[in-house]
């Protein structure tokens, strides 16, 4: 059994420290914590005695943080916030089944994965999903994730990469920018702003490099950080966007965007399920992989 060191504060002591620092008063801190004044005073006094430092100066009946107290209260707030977040996460997984923790490219999650997840959960109602966005390669040795869905070239060593979908890029724009059913030539693009993606600045260069000898004299337009921002910017009529077809499908189906060039550019990488080799075999992750592969080429039914 692991024992808490004598000097380590209890949660009640951390709460007393934080509330006393906020209110400068034991009585007000006690009211906020729904405790008696004597209980709050005991927590502060006990903590000071065990640490061997004074956390508060008593100035004109007010509590004022000492240098030691000021240094400690910053960490105490973070610890209490983290505990609260962890407790809420545990409550969200109240079904008692397995938790599938996934790191996913944010736009892939929003436009492709999440709309399809009900089908997986219908098959596996005992599983809870914990999704986090991940724009950069996942270090599975230093994270809780069971798997990631990213581009295959983002996989680190010691991972298994399961191909899901090829990335096919298309040009889209809002009907407010380009009249419906109008098709642009590559040369026409010089007349429009081109939306730039900060995390993949090479996309427009790749498009023009494969454009049958047509080169871009200018590539000016708004610059945004993520593909979901590219979609929003294109829908707002801020410019022409180069987008993975799977990300644009919903907006095209709704009429918010339209494909404005007939050519499709095939990327050099694919979207993939990335799993760490060192993890024990997981029936839940195996089931998710099987479901993903079966759904990879199926259109979303709306």
C-alpha atoms as a PDB file:
ATOM      1  CA  UNK A   1       0.000   0.000   0.000  1.00  0.00           C
ATOM      2  CA  UNK A   2       1.342   3.440  -0.993  1.00  0.00           C
ATOM      3  CA  UNK A   3       1.079   6.018   1.761  1.00  0.00           C
ATOM      4  CA  UNK A   4       0.745   9.743   1.152  1.00  0.00           C
ATOM      5  CA  UNK A   5       3.832  11.536   2.498  1.00  0.00           C
ATOM      6  CA  UNK A   6       3.132  13.566   5.615  1.00  0.00           C
ATOM      7  CA  UNK A   7       3.888  16.852   3.863  1.00  0.00           C
ATOM      8  CA  UNK A   8       1.525  16.231   0.919  1.00  0.00           C
ATOM      9  CA  UNK A   9      -1.641  18.316   1.280  1.00  0.00           C
ATOM     10  CA  UNK A  10      -5.080  16.748   1.333  1.00  0.00           C
ATOM     11  CA  UNK A  11      -7.747  17.902  -1.109  1.00  0.00           C
ATOM     12  CA  UNK A  12      -9.550  19.691   1.741  1.00  0.00           C
ATOM     13  CA  UNK A  13      -6.360  21.567   2.604  1.00  0.00           C
ATOM     14  CA  UNK A  14      -5.822  22.604  -1.003  1.00  0.00           C
ATOM     15  CA  UNK A  15      -9.395  23.884  -1.208  1.00  0.00           C
ATOM     16  CA  UNK A  16      -8.964  25.815   2.021  1.00  0.00           C
ATOM     17  CA  UNK A  17      -5.710  27.334   0.736  1.00  0.00           C
ATOM     18  CA  UNK A  18      -7.289  28.443  -2.554  1.00  0.00           C
ATOM     19  CA  UNK A  19     -10.472  29.870  -1.020  1.00  0.00           C
ATOM     20  CA  UNK A  20      -8.601  31.718   1.735  1.00  0.00           C
ATOM     21  CA  UNK A  21      -6.351  33.258  -0.924  1.00  0.00           C
ATOM     22  CA  UNK A  22      -9.386  34.328  -2.947  1.00  0.00           C
ATOM     23  CA  UNK A  23     -11.388  35.855  -0.100  1.00  0.00           C
ATOM     24  CA  UNK A  24      -8.642  36.867   2.344  1.00  0.00           C
ATOM     25  CA  UNK A  25     -10.899  35.641   5.106  1.00  0.00           C
ATOM     26  CA  UNK A  26     -11.397  32.335   6.898  1.00  0.00           C
ATOM     27  CA  UNK A  27     -15.089  33.013   7.477  1.00  0.00           C
ATOM     28  CA  UNK A  28     -15.801  33.789   3.809  1.00  0.00           C
ATOM     29  CA  UNK A  29     -13.727  30.784   2.705  1.00  0.00           C
ATOM     30  CA  UNK A  30     -15.681  28.586   5.126  1.00  0.00           C
ATOM     31  CA  UNK A  31     -18.998  29.836   3.707  1.00  0.00           C
ATOM     32  CA  UNK A  32     -17.814  29.108   0.151  1.00  0.00           C
ATOM     33  CA  UNK A  33     -16.699  25.600   1.111  1.00  0.00           C
ATOM     34  CA  UNK A  34     -19.762  24.913   3.304  1.00  0.00           C
ATOM     35  CA  UNK A  35     -17.465  24.201   6.268  1.00  0.00           C
ATOM     36  CA  UNK A  36     -17.052  25.687   9.711  1.00  0.00           C
ATOM     37  CA  UNK A  37     -14.470  28.408  10.311  1.00  0.00           C
ATOM     38  CA  UNK A  38     -12.620  26.139  12.718  1.00  0.00           C
ATOM     39  CA  UNK A  39     -12.345  23.396  10.054  1.00  0.00           C
ATOM     40  CA  UNK A  40     -10.826  25.813   7.533  1.00  0.00           C
ATOM     41  CA  UNK A  41      -8.473  27.280  10.150  1.00  0.00           C
ATOM     42  CA  UNK A  42      -7.339  23.775  11.141  1.00  0.00           C
ATOM     43  CA  UNK A  43      -6.619  22.894   7.496  1.00  0.00           C
ATOM     44  CA  UNK A  44      -4.431  25.963   6.988  1.00  0.00           C
ATOM     45  CA  UNK A  45      -2.667  25.589  10.341  1.00  0.00           C
ATOM     46  CA  UNK A  46      -2.035  21.868   9.849  1.00  0.00           C
ATOM     47  CA  UNK A  47      -0.644  22.448   6.367  1.00  0.00           C
ATOM     48  CA  UNK A  48       1.662  25.250   7.560  1.00  0.00           C
ATOM     49  CA  UNK A  49       2.961  23.113  10.424  1.00  0.00           C
ATOM     50  CA  UNK A  50       3.712  20.104   8.214  1.00  0.00           C
ATOM     51  CA  UNK A  51       5.379  22.186   5.514  1.00  0.00           C
ATOM     52  CA  UNK A  52       7.287  24.264   8.030  1.00  0.00           C
ATOM     53  CA  UNK A  53       6.372  27.535   6.258  1.00  0.00           C
ATOM     54  CA  UNK A  54       3.891  30.337   6.759  1.00  0.00           C
ATOM     55  CA  UNK A  55       1.402  30.404   3.881  1.00  0.00           C
ATOM     56  CA  UNK A  56      -0.459  33.526   4.990  1.00  0.00           C
ATOM     57  CA  UNK A  57       0.388  36.722   6.811  1.00  0.00           C
ATOM     58  CA  UNK A  58      -2.356  37.995   9.090  1.00  0.00           C
ATOM     59  CA  UNK A  59      -2.654  41.693   8.253  1.00  0.00           C
ATOM     60  CA  UNK A  60      -5.450  43.740   9.852  1.00  0.00           C
ATOM     61  CA  UNK A  61      -7.725  40.728  10.199  1.00  0.00           C
ATOM     62  CA  UNK A  62      -7.115  39.753   6.571  1.00  0.00           C
ATOM     63  CA  UNK A  63      -5.187  36.828   5.172  1.00  0.00           C
ATOM     64  CA  UNK A  64      -2.439  37.849   2.743  1.00  0.00           C
ATOM     65  CA  UNK A  65      -0.457  35.194   0.890  1.00  0.00           C
ATOM     66  CA  UNK A  66       3.211  34.880   1.783  1.00  0.00           C
ATOM     67  CA  UNK A  67       5.764  34.232  -0.965  1.00  0.00           C
ATOM     68  CA  UNK A  68       5.538  30.510  -0.207  1.00  0.00           C
ATOM     69  CA  UNK A  69       1.749  30.632  -0.225  1.00  0.00           C
ATOM     70  CA  UNK A  70       1.670  32.539  -3.505  1.00  0.00           C
ATOM     71  CA  UNK A  71       3.908  29.933  -5.137  1.00  0.00           C
ATOM     72  CA  UNK A  72       1.808  27.058  -3.814  1.00  0.00           C
ATOM     73  CA  UNK A  73      -1.678  28.396  -4.538  1.00  0.00           C
ATOM     74  CA  UNK A  74      -0.980  28.519  -8.280  1.00  0.00           C
ATOM     75  CA  UNK A  75      -0.289  24.763  -8.367  1.00  0.00           C
ATOM     76  CA  UNK A  76      -3.149  24.077  -5.955  1.00  0.00           C
ATOM     77  CA  UNK A  77      -5.657  25.618  -8.380  1.00  0.00           C
ATOM     78  CA  UNK A  78      -4.315  23.516 -11.254  1.00  0.00           C
ATOM     79  CA  UNK A  79      -4.492  20.347  -9.157  1.00  0.00           C
ATOM     80  CA  UNK A  80      -8.102  20.985  -8.136  1.00  0.00           C
ATOM     81  CA  UNK A  81      -9.117  21.776 -11.721  1.00  0.00           C
ATOM     82  CA  UNK A  82      -7.452  18.570 -12.925  1.00  0.00           C
ATOM     83  CA  UNK A  83      -9.226  16.529 -10.237  1.00  0.00           C
ATOM     84  CA  UNK A  84     -12.574  18.036 -11.172  1.00  0.00           C
ATOM     85  CA  UNK A  85     -11.942  17.326 -14.860  1.00  0.00           C
ATOM     86  CA  UNK A  86     -10.952  13.734 -14.080  1.00  0.00           C
ATOM     87  CA  UNK A  87     -14.058  13.168 -11.947  1.00  0.00           C
ATOM     88  CA  UNK A  88     -16.338  14.500 -14.687  1.00  0.00           C
ATOM     89  CA  UNK A  89     -14.608  12.261 -17.216  1.00  0.00           C
ATOM     90  CA  UNK A  90     -15.189   9.226 -14.985  1.00  0.00           C
ATOM     91  CA  UNK A  91     -18.873  10.124 -14.623  1.00  0.00           C
ATOM     92  CA  UNK A  92     -19.184  10.354 -18.419  1.00  0.00           C
ATOM     93  CA  UNK A  93     -18.040   6.722 -18.592  1.00  0.00           C
ATOM     94  CA  UNK A  94     -20.644   5.583 -16.120  1.00  0.00           C
ATOM     95  CA  UNK A  95     -21.801   2.584 -18.141  1.00  0.00           C
ATOM     96  CA  UNK A  96     -18.973   0.511 -16.717  1.00  0.00           C
ATOM     97  CA  UNK A  97     -17.813  -0.841 -20.071  1.00  0.00           C
ATOM     98  CA  UNK A  98     -14.632  -0.247 -22.022  1.00  0.00           C
ATOM     99  CA  UNK A  99     -13.427   3.235 -22.898  1.00  0.00           C
ATOM    100  CA  UNK A 100     -12.002   3.736 -26.394  1.00  0.00           C
ATOM    101  CA  UNK A 101      -9.594   6.697 -26.317  1.00  0.00           C
ATOM    102  CA  UNK A 102      -8.879   8.091 -29.773  1.00  0.00           C
ATOM    103  CA  UNK A 103      -6.692  10.922 -31.046  1.00  0.00           C
ATOM    104  CA  UNK A 104      -8.143  12.134 -34.349  1.00  0.00           C
ATOM    105  CA  UNK A 105      -7.440  14.863 -36.864  1.00  0.00           C
ATOM    106  CA  UNK A 106     -10.117  17.399 -35.890  1.00  0.00           C
ATOM    107  CA  UNK A 107     -11.766  17.903 -39.281  1.00  0.00           C
ATOM    108  CA  UNK A 108     -11.738  14.153 -39.971  1.00  0.00           C
ATOM    109  CA  UNK A 109     -13.497  13.685 -36.621  1.00  0.00           C
ATOM    110  CA  UNK A 110     -16.100  16.381 -37.283  1.00  0.00           C
ATOM    111  CA  UNK A 111     -16.936  15.620 -40.910  1.00  0.00           C
ATOM    112  CA  UNK A 112     -16.366  11.867 -41.237  1.00  0.00           C
ATOM    113  CA  UNK A 113     -15.972   9.963 -37.970  1.00  0.00           C
ATOM    114  CA  UNK A 114     -18.493  11.508 -35.566  1.00  0.00           C
ATOM    115  CA  UNK A 115     -21.464  11.329 -37.990  1.00  0.00           C
ATOM    116  CA  UNK A 116     -20.750   7.593 -38.386  1.00  0.00           C
ATOM    117  CA  UNK A 117     -20.019   6.749 -34.730  1.00  0.00           C
ATOM    118  CA  UNK A 118     -23.664   5.979 -33.837  1.00  0.00           C
ATOM    119  CA  UNK A 119     -23.423   2.947 -36.126  1.00  0.00           C
ATOM    120  CA  UNK A 120     -20.412   1.657 -34.170  1.00  0.00           C
ATOM    121  CA  UNK A 121     -22.056   2.323 -30.796  1.00  0.00           C
ATOM    122  CA  UNK A 122     -25.223   0.531 -31.918  1.00  0.00           C
ATOM    123  CA  UNK A 123     -23.057  -2.554 -32.422  1.00  0.00           C
ATOM    124  CA  UNK A 124     -21.059  -2.005 -29.203  1.00  0.00           C
ATOM    125  CA  UNK A 125     -23.284  -0.187 -26.680  1.00  0.00           C
ATOM    126  CA  UNK A 126     -20.951  -1.140 -23.820  1.00  0.00           C
ATOM    127  CA  UNK A 127     -18.155   1.056 -25.220  1.00  0.00           C
ATOM    128  CA  UNK A 128     -17.666   4.727 -24.300  1.00  0.00           C
ATOM    129  CA  UNK A 129     -15.790   7.039 -26.666  1.00  0.00           C
ATOM    130  CA  UNK A 130     -13.175   9.577 -25.564  1.00  0.00           C
ATOM    131  CA  UNK A 131     -12.141  11.720 -28.559  1.00  0.00           C
ATOM    132  CA  UNK A 132      -9.328  14.256 -28.626  1.00  0.00           C
ATOM    133  CA  UNK A 133      -8.035  16.304 -31.543  1.00  0.00           C
ATOM    134  CA  UNK A 134      -4.458  15.660 -32.639  1.00  0.00           C
ATOM    135  CA  UNK A 135      -2.790  17.676 -35.380  1.00  0.00           C
ATOM    136  CA  UNK A 136       0.654  16.240 -34.721  1.00  0.00           C
ATOM    137  CA  UNK A 137       2.061  12.689 -34.457  1.00  0.00           C
ATOM    138  CA  UNK A 138       0.906  10.896 -31.310  1.00  0.00           C
ATOM    139  CA  UNK A 139       3.478   9.620 -28.834  1.00  0.00           C
ATOM    140  CA  UNK A 140       1.692   6.577 -27.431  1.00  0.00           C
ATOM    141  CA  UNK A 141       4.359   6.123 -24.757  1.00  0.00           C
ATOM    142  CA  UNK A 142       3.376   9.475 -23.266  1.00  0.00           C
ATOM    143  CA  UNK A 143      -0.385   9.547 -23.830  1.00  0.00           C
ATOM    144  CA  UNK A 144      -3.473   7.532 -22.825  1.00  0.00           C
ATOM    145  CA  UNK A 145      -4.708   6.984 -26.384  1.00  0.00           C
ATOM    146  CA  UNK A 146      -5.530   3.504 -27.644  1.00  0.00           C
ATOM    147  CA  UNK A 147      -5.201   4.551 -31.284  1.00  0.00           C
ATOM    148  CA  UNK A 148      -5.113   7.548 -33.600  1.00  0.00           C
ATOM    149  CA  UNK A 149      -6.759   8.377 -36.913  1.00  0.00           C
ATOM    150  CA  UNK A 150      -4.400  10.577 -38.894  1.00  0.00           C
ATOM    151  CA  UNK A 151      -2.582  10.644 -42.200  1.00  0.00           C
ATOM    152  CA  UNK A 152      -0.397   7.577 -42.562  1.00  0.00           C
ATOM    153  CA  UNK A 153       2.793   9.613 -42.891  1.00  0.00           C
ATOM    154  CA  UNK A 154       2.255  10.927 -39.353  1.00  0.00           C
ATOM    155  CA  UNK A 155       2.762   7.486 -37.789  1.00  0.00           C
ATOM    156  CA  UNK A 156       5.729   7.095 -35.465  1.00  0.00           C
ATOM    157  CA  UNK A 157       7.973   4.074 -35.283  1.00  0.00           C
ATOM    158  CA  UNK A 158       6.675   1.053 -33.379  1.00  0.00           C
ATOM    159  CA  UNK A 159       3.114   1.540 -34.608  1.00  0.00           C
ATOM    160  CA  UNK A 160       0.873  -0.486 -36.887  1.00  0.00           C
ATOM    161  CA  UNK A 161      -0.722   1.505 -39.701  1.00  0.00           C
ATOM    162  CA  UNK A 162      -4.084   0.358 -41.087  1.00  0.00           C
ATOM    163  CA  UNK A 163      -5.075   2.068 -44.354  1.00  0.00           C
ATOM    164  CA  UNK A 164      -8.602   3.505 -44.346  1.00  0.00           C
ATOM    165  CA  UNK A 165      -9.157   6.126 -47.041  1.00  0.00           C
ATOM    166  CA  UNK A 166      -7.148   7.682 -49.821  1.00  0.00           C
ATOM    167  CA  UNK A 167      -6.971  11.466 -49.710  1.00  0.00           C
ATOM    168  CA  UNK A 168      -8.445  12.968 -52.875  1.00  0.00           C
ATOM    169  CA  UNK A 169      -8.289  16.756 -53.065  1.00  0.00           C
ATOM    170  CA  UNK A 170     -10.821  18.897 -54.926  1.00  0.00           C
ATOM    171  CA  UNK A 171     -11.415  22.620 -55.430  1.00  0.00           C
ATOM    172  CA  UNK A 172     -14.550  24.095 -53.867  1.00  0.00           C
ATOM    173  CA  UNK A 173     -16.134  27.502 -53.416  1.00  0.00           C
ATOM    174  CA  UNK A 174     -19.386  29.022 -52.227  1.00  0.00           C
ATOM    175  CA  UNK A 175     -22.158  29.736 -54.764  1.00  0.00           C
ATOM    176  CA  UNK A 176     -21.945  33.362 -53.608  1.00  0.00           C
ATOM    177  CA  UNK A 177     -18.385  33.562 -54.969  1.00  0.00           C
ATOM    178  CA  UNK A 178     -18.760  31.499 -58.136  1.00  0.00           C
ATOM    179  CA  UNK A 179     -22.114  31.108 -59.842  1.00  0.00           C
ATOM    180  CA  UNK A 180     -23.645  27.625 -59.457  1.00  0.00           C
ATOM    181  CA  UNK A 181     -22.561  25.079 -62.059  1.00  0.00           C
ATOM    182  CA  UNK A 182     -19.769  27.331 -63.293  1.00  0.00           C
ATOM    183  CA  UNK A 183     -16.555  25.417 -63.839  1.00  0.00           C
ATOM    184  CA  UNK A 184     -13.208  27.165 -63.570  1.00  0.00           C
ATOM    185  CA  UNK A 185     -10.091  26.476 -65.559  1.00  0.00           C
ATOM    186  CA  UNK A 186      -6.793  26.447 -63.698  1.00  0.00           C
ATOM    187  CA  UNK A 187      -5.941  29.783 -65.322  1.00  0.00           C
ATOM    188  CA  UNK A 188      -9.196  31.269 -63.937  1.00  0.00           C
ATOM    189  CA  UNK A 189      -7.932  30.762 -60.376  1.00  0.00           C
ATOM    190  CA  UNK A 190      -5.736  33.838 -60.741  1.00  0.00           C
ATOM    191  CA  UNK A 191      -8.917  35.936 -60.498  1.00  0.00           C
ATOM    192  CA  UNK A 192      -9.915  34.600 -57.068  1.00  0.00           C
ATOM    193  CA  UNK A 193      -8.475  34.593 -53.546  1.00  0.00           C
ATOM    194  CA  UNK A 194      -7.061  31.181 -52.626  1.00  0.00           C
ATOM    195  CA  UNK A 195      -7.612  30.064 -49.030  1.00  0.00           C
ATOM    196  CA  UNK A 196      -4.331  28.944 -47.458  1.00  0.00           C
ATOM    197  CA  UNK A 197      -4.009  26.196 -44.833  1.00  0.00           C
ATOM    198  CA  UNK A 198      -1.231  27.039 -42.362  1.00  0.00           C
ATOM    199  CA  UNK A 199      -0.620  23.442 -41.280  1.00  0.00           C
ATOM    200  CA  UNK A 200      -0.305  22.221 -44.891  1.00  0.00           C
ATOM    201  CA  UNK A 201       1.010  25.194 -46.880  1.00  0.00           C
ATOM    202  CA  UNK A 202       2.137  22.968 -49.756  1.00  0.00           C
ATOM    203  CA  UNK A 203      -1.398  22.104 -50.949  1.00  0.00           C
ATOM    204  CA  UNK A 204      -1.778  24.887 -53.511  1.00  0.00           C
ATOM    205  CA  UNK A 205       1.753  24.306 -54.798  1.00  0.00           C
ATOM    206  CA  UNK A 206       0.890  20.621 -55.240  1.00  0.00           C
ATOM    207  CA  UNK A 207      -2.269  21.568 -57.117  1.00  0.00           C
ATOM    208  CA  UNK A 208      -0.485  23.851 -59.564  1.00  0.00           C
ATOM    209  CA  UNK A 209       2.456  21.448 -59.948  1.00  0.00           C
ATOM    210  CA  UNK A 210      -0.024  18.943 -61.386  1.00  0.00           C
ATOM    211  CA  UNK A 211      -1.928  21.442 -63.514  1.00  0.00           C
ATOM    212  CA  UNK A 212      -0.680  20.606 -67.024  1.00  0.00           C
ATOM    213  CA  UNK A 213       1.882  23.344 -67.207  1.00  0.00           C
ATOM    214  CA  UNK A 214      -0.287  26.145 -65.762  1.00  0.00           C
ATOM    215  CA  UNK A 215       1.629  27.968 -63.047  1.00  0.00           C
ATOM    216  CA  UNK A 216       0.338  30.303 -60.376  1.00  0.00           C
ATOM    217  CA  UNK A 217       1.548  33.869 -60.700  1.00  0.00           C
ATOM    218  CA  UNK A 218      -0.018  34.690 -57.338  1.00  0.00           C
ATOM    219  CA  UNK A 219      -1.492  32.693 -54.471  1.00  0.00           C
ATOM    220  CA  UNK A 220      -3.062  35.336 -52.282  1.00  0.00           C
ATOM    221  CA  UNK A 221      -5.926  34.747 -49.902  1.00  0.00           C
ATOM    222  CA  UNK A 222      -6.873  34.320 -46.252  1.00  0.00           C
ATOM    223  CA  UNK A 223      -4.671  32.013 -44.185  1.00  0.00           C
ATOM    224  CA  UNK A 224      -6.264  29.786 -41.543  1.00  0.00           C
ATOM    225  CA  UNK A 225      -5.014  27.134 -39.167  1.00  0.00           C
ATOM    226  CA  UNK A 226      -7.203  24.045 -39.678  1.00  0.00           C
ATOM    227  CA  UNK A 227      -9.320  22.393 -42.370  1.00  0.00           C
ATOM    228  CA  UNK A 228     -12.530  23.174 -40.464  1.00  0.00           C
ATOM    229  CA  UNK A 229     -11.600  26.854 -40.759  1.00  0.00           C
ATOM    230  CA  UNK A 230     -10.937  26.348 -44.471  1.00  0.00           C
ATOM    231  CA  UNK A 231     -14.461  24.950 -44.851  1.00  0.00           C
ATOM    232  CA  UNK A 232     -15.985  27.873 -42.933  1.00  0.00           C
ATOM    233  CA  UNK A 233     -13.950  30.428 -44.896  1.00  0.00           C
ATOM    234  CA  UNK A 234     -14.977  28.866 -48.206  1.00  0.00           C
ATOM    235  CA  UNK A 235     -18.647  28.770 -47.172  1.00  0.00           C
ATOM    236  CA  UNK A 236     -18.405  32.463 -46.252  1.00  0.00           C
ATOM    237  CA  UNK A 237     -17.222  33.233 -49.785  1.00  0.00           C
ATOM    238  CA  UNK A 238     -13.712  34.263 -48.763  1.00  0.00           C
ATOM    239  CA  UNK A 239     -12.049  32.341 -51.574  1.00  0.00           C
ATOM    240  CA  UNK A 240     -11.514  29.069 -53.391  1.00  0.00           C
ATOM    241  CA  UNK A 241     -10.359  26.166 -51.222  1.00  0.00           C
ATOM    242  CA  UNK A 242      -8.486  22.968 -51.909  1.00  0.00           C
ATOM    243  CA  UNK A 243     -10.055  20.330 -49.644  1.00  0.00           C
ATOM    244  CA  UNK A 244     -10.031  16.577 -49.139  1.00  0.00           C
ATOM    245  CA  UNK A 245     -13.186  15.342 -50.831  1.00  0.00           C
ATOM    246  CA  UNK A 246     -14.356  13.533 -47.700  1.00  0.00           C
ATOM    247  CA  UNK A 247     -14.253  16.793 -45.738  1.00  0.00           C
ATOM    248  CA  UNK A 248     -16.269  18.690 -48.355  1.00  0.00           C
ATOM    249  CA  UNK A 249     -19.001  16.095 -48.961  1.00  0.00           C
ATOM    250  CA  UNK A 250     -21.504  17.351 -46.371  1.00  0.00           C
ATOM    251  CA  UNK A 251     -21.138  21.001 -47.404  1.00  0.00           C
ATOM    252  CA  UNK A 252     -21.512  20.065 -51.074  1.00  0.00           C
ATOM    253  CA  UNK A 253     -24.596  17.945 -50.333  1.00  0.00           C
ATOM    254  CA  UNK A 254     -26.196  20.856 -48.452  1.00  0.00           C
ATOM    255  CA  UNK A 255     -25.400  23.340 -51.221  1.00  0.00           C
ATOM    256  CA  UNK A 256     -23.091  25.435 -49.033  1.00  0.00           C
ATOM    257  CA  UNK A 257     -20.138  24.567 -51.301  1.00  0.00           C
ATOM    258  CA  UNK A 258     -19.725  23.341 -54.849  1.00  0.00           C
ATOM    259  CA  UNK A 259     -16.894  21.725 -56.733  1.00  0.00           C
ATOM    260  CA  UNK A 260     -15.560  24.348 -59.137  1.00  0.00           C
ATOM    261  CA  UNK A 261     -12.836  22.456 -61.018  1.00  0.00           C
ATOM    262  CA  UNK A 262     -13.154  19.043 -62.667  1.00  0.00           C
ATOM    263  CA  UNK A 263      -9.732  17.733 -61.666  1.00  0.00           C
ATOM    264  CA  UNK A 264      -9.011  15.644 -58.565  1.00  0.00           C
ATOM    265  CA  UNK A 265      -5.570  15.557 -56.994  1.00  0.00           C
ATOM    266  CA  UNK A 266      -4.547  12.310 -55.330  1.00  0.00           C
ATOM    267  CA  UNK A 267      -2.412  12.864 -52.244  1.00  0.00           C
ATOM    268  CA  UNK A 268       0.734  10.862 -51.583  1.00  0.00           C
ATOM    269  CA  UNK A 269      -0.628   9.625 -48.254  1.00  0.00           C
ATOM    270  CA  UNK A 270      -3.855   8.153 -46.911  1.00  0.00           C
ATOM    271  CA  UNK A 271      -5.927   8.400 -43.753  1.00  0.00           C
ATOM    272  CA  UNK A 272      -5.141   5.528 -41.437  1.00  0.00           C
ATOM    273  CA  UNK A 273      -5.806   3.978 -38.063  1.00  0.00           C
ATOM    274  CA  UNK A 274      -2.512   4.065 -36.157  1.00  0.00           C
ATOM    275  CA  UNK A 275      -2.047   1.643 -33.244  1.00  0.00           C
ATOM    276  CA  UNK A 276       0.901   1.234 -30.877  1.00  0.00           C
ATOM    277  CA  UNK A 277       2.611  -2.136 -31.198  1.00  0.00           C
ATOM    278  CA  UNK A 278       3.614  -2.271 -27.533  1.00  0.00           C
ATOM    279  CA  UNK A 279       0.054  -2.204 -26.118  1.00  0.00           C
ATOM    280  CA  UNK A 280      -1.679  -5.428 -25.029  1.00  0.00           C
ATOM    281  CA  UNK A 281      -4.258  -6.873 -27.398  1.00  0.00           C
ATOM    282  CA  UNK A 282      -7.564  -5.012 -27.029  1.00  0.00           C
ATOM    283  CA  UNK A 283     -10.803  -6.582 -28.201  1.00  0.00           C
ATOM    284  CA  UNK A 284     -12.414  -3.130 -28.235  1.00  0.00           C
ATOM    285  CA  UNK A 285      -9.759  -1.589 -30.481  1.00  0.00           C
ATOM    286  CA  UNK A 286      -9.851  -4.680 -32.694  1.00  0.00           C
ATOM    287  CA  UNK A 287     -13.621  -4.311 -33.048  1.00  0.00           C
ATOM    288  CA  UNK A 288     -13.256  -0.621 -33.853  1.00  0.00           C
ATOM    289  CA  UNK A 289     -10.631  -1.399 -36.507  1.00  0.00           C
ATOM    290  CA  UNK A 290     -12.881  -3.999 -38.117  1.00  0.00           C
ATOM    291  CA  UNK A 291     -15.812  -1.566 -38.138  1.00  0.00           C
ATOM    292  CA  UNK A 292     -13.686   1.257 -39.564  1.00  0.00           C
ATOM    293  CA  UNK A 293     -12.435  -0.868 -42.433  1.00  0.00           C
ATOM    294  CA  UNK A 294     -15.963  -1.983 -43.293  1.00  0.00           C
ATOM    295  CA  UNK A 295     -17.249   1.620 -43.247  1.00  0.00           C
ATOM    296  CA  UNK A 296     -14.284   3.282 -44.939  1.00  0.00           C
ATOM    297  CA  UNK A 297     -15.738   3.390 -48.446  1.00  0.00           C
ATOM    298  CA  UNK A 298     -19.419   3.654 -47.510  1.00  0.00           C
ATOM    299  CA  UNK A 299     -21.143   7.028 -47.985  1.00  0.00           C
ATOM    300  CA  UNK A 300     -22.821   8.640 -44.991  1.00  0.00           C
ATOM    301  CA  UNK A 301     -26.587   8.086 -45.064  1.00  0.00           C
ATOM    302  CA  UNK A 302     -28.437  11.281 -44.087  1.00  0.00           C
END
